[in-house]
Amino acid sequence: MVVLKKIKASTLMETLVATVLIVIVFMISSMILNNIFSNSIKSNTREIDAYLNELEYLYKNEKLKLPYYDDLGDWKISIITLNTSSSYKSVEFEALHIITNKTKTKVIRED
């Protein structure tokens, strides 16, 4: 018959401490991942950028009357004419997020 070697067993306290440490590491890593994904979702402005580009296209092709005001989800959009000088005209495209107060602005200068 084969005699098995004895393996030194750990105490209950050591096992509990190791388990708690593993749980803490997983909690911290899940909170970090949650924060990263949350920030990436909040800073995503692709939809409003695409809509502003579409409005710019409509304005350049004279399909949009100024001043123009609209809402897109949580964004308030305004397109106004700026009086800068008599030689040229500027049009400002502005989108304001009503929750975060983030602003996207684009100014087009026409000669």
Protein backbone atom coordinates (compact mmCIF):
# COMPACT_ATOMS: atom_id res chain seq x y z
CA MET A 1 0.00 0.00 0.00
CA VAL A 2 1.23 3.48 -0.92
CA VAL A 3 1.75 5.92 1.91
CA LEU A 4 0.51 9.38 0.99
CA LYS A 5 2.49 12.42 2.01
CA LYS A 6 0.83 14.69 4.47
CA ILE A 7 0.06 18.14 3.19
CA LYS A 8 0.11 20.90 5.74
CA ALA A 9 -3.44 22.18 6.07
CA SER A 10 -4.29 25.81 6.59
CA THR A 11 -6.34 26.96 9.50
CA LEU A 12 -9.86 28.23 9.23
CA MET A 13 -8.71 31.77 9.96
CA GLU A 14 -6.18 31.75 7.11
CA THR A 15 -8.83 30.49 4.72
CA LEU A 16 -11.27 33.22 5.76
CA VAL A 17 -8.63 35.94 5.37
CA ALA A 18 -7.70 34.70 1.90
CA THR A 19 -11.37 34.58 0.87
CA VAL A 20 -11.98 38.11 2.12
CA LEU A 21 -8.95 39.42 0.24
CA ILE A 22 -10.13 37.79 -2.99
CA VAL A 23 -13.61 39.26 -2.55
CA ILE A 24 -12.17 42.74 -1.93
CA VAL A 25 -10.02 42.54 -5.08
CA PHE A 26 -13.03 41.55 -7.19
CA MET A 27 -15.18 44.32 -5.67
CA ILE A 28 -12.58 46.99 -6.44
CA SER A 29 -12.07 45.74 -9.98
CA SER A 30 -15.82 45.66 -10.68
CA MET A 31 -16.21 49.22 -9.34
CA ILE A 32 -13.38 50.41 -11.60
CA LEU A 33 -14.92 48.75 -14.66
CA ASN A 34 -18.34 50.18 -13.81
CA ASN A 35 -16.84 53.67 -13.57
CA ILE A 36 -15.04 53.31 -16.91
CA PHE A 37 -18.17 52.12 -18.75
CA SER A 38 -20.33 54.79 -17.10
CA ASN A 39 -17.97 57.57 -18.19
CA SER A 40 -17.73 56.24 -21.74
CA ILE A 41 -21.53 56.24 -22.03
CA LYS A 42 -21.86 59.76 -20.60
CA SER A 43 -19.22 61.22 -22.90
CA ASN A 44 -20.60 59.62 -26.05
CA THR A 45 -21.67 62.46 -28.38
CA ARG A 46 -21.84 60.62 -31.70
CA GLU A 47 -25.60 60.99 -32.06
CA ILE A 48 -25.63 64.76 -31.51
CA ASP A 49 -22.56 65.22 -33.75
CA ALA A 50 -24.30 63.35 -36.56
CA TYR A 51 -27.46 65.41 -36.10
CA LEU A 52 -25.52 68.69 -36.13
CA ASN A 53 -23.78 67.60 -39.34
CA GLU A 54 -27.17 66.80 -40.85
CA LEU A 55 -28.49 70.25 -39.87
CA GLU A 56 -25.39 71.90 -41.31
CA TYR A 57 -25.96 70.04 -44.57
CA LEU A 58 -29.59 71.19 -44.64
CA TYR A 59 -28.53 74.78 -43.95
CA LYS A 60 -25.88 74.80 -46.68
CA ASN A 61 -28.47 73.50 -49.16
CA GLU A 62 -30.99 76.17 -48.07
CA LYS A 63 -33.48 73.68 -46.61
CA LEU A 64 -33.34 75.15 -43.10
CA LYS A 65 -34.85 78.47 -41.97
CA LEU A 66 -33.07 80.47 -39.29
CA PRO A 67 -33.37 80.82 -36.35
CA TYR A 68 -33.87 77.09 -35.72
CA TYR A 69 -34.56 75.44 -32.35
CA ASP A 70 -35.00 71.73 -31.67
CA ASP A 71 -34.66 69.01 -29.03
CA LEU A 72 -32.92 65.66 -29.44
CA GLY A 73 -33.24 63.55 -26.31
CA ASP A 74 -31.56 65.53 -23.52
CA TRP A 75 -29.96 67.98 -26.00
CA LYS A 76 -31.33 71.44 -26.82
CA ILE A 77 -30.25 72.59 -30.27
CA SER A 78 -30.19 76.16 -31.54
CA ILE A 79 -28.98 77.59 -34.83
CA ILE A 80 -28.71 81.36 -35.00
CA THR A 81 -27.13 84.02 -37.18
CA LEU A 82 -24.31 86.00 -35.56
CA ASN A 83 -23.80 89.65 -36.40
CA THR A 84 -20.01 89.88 -36.59
CA SER A 85 -19.44 92.47 -39.32
CA SER A 86 -21.05 93.76 -42.45
CA SER A 87 -18.69 91.93 -44.83
CA TYR A 88 -19.60 88.37 -43.86
CA LYS A 89 -22.22 86.39 -42.00
CA SER A 90 -21.64 83.69 -39.35
CA VAL A 91 -24.03 80.97 -38.33
CA GLU A 92 -23.67 79.26 -34.95
CA PHE A 93 -24.80 75.68 -34.40
CA GLU A 94 -25.06 74.97 -30.68
CA ALA A 95 -26.20 71.90 -28.76
CA LEU A 96 -26.58 72.00 -24.97
CA HIS A 97 -27.04 68.89 -22.84
CA ILE A 98 -29.59 69.86 -20.20
CA ILE A 99 -28.36 67.39 -17.56
CA THR A 100 -24.58 67.75 -17.78
CA ASN A 101 -24.46 71.31 -19.25
CA LYS A 102 -22.04 70.05 -21.91
CA THR A 103 -22.02 72.27 -24.99
CA LYS A 104 -21.12 71.43 -28.59
CA THR A 105 -20.67 74.52 -30.78
CA LYS A 106 -19.85 74.93 -34.45
CA VAL A 107 -19.58 78.26 -36.25
CA ILE A 108 -19.80 78.56 -40.03
CA ARG A 109 -18.52 81.71 -41.69
CA GLU A 110 -19.98 82.72 -45.02
CA ASP A 111 -18.49 85.36 -47.28
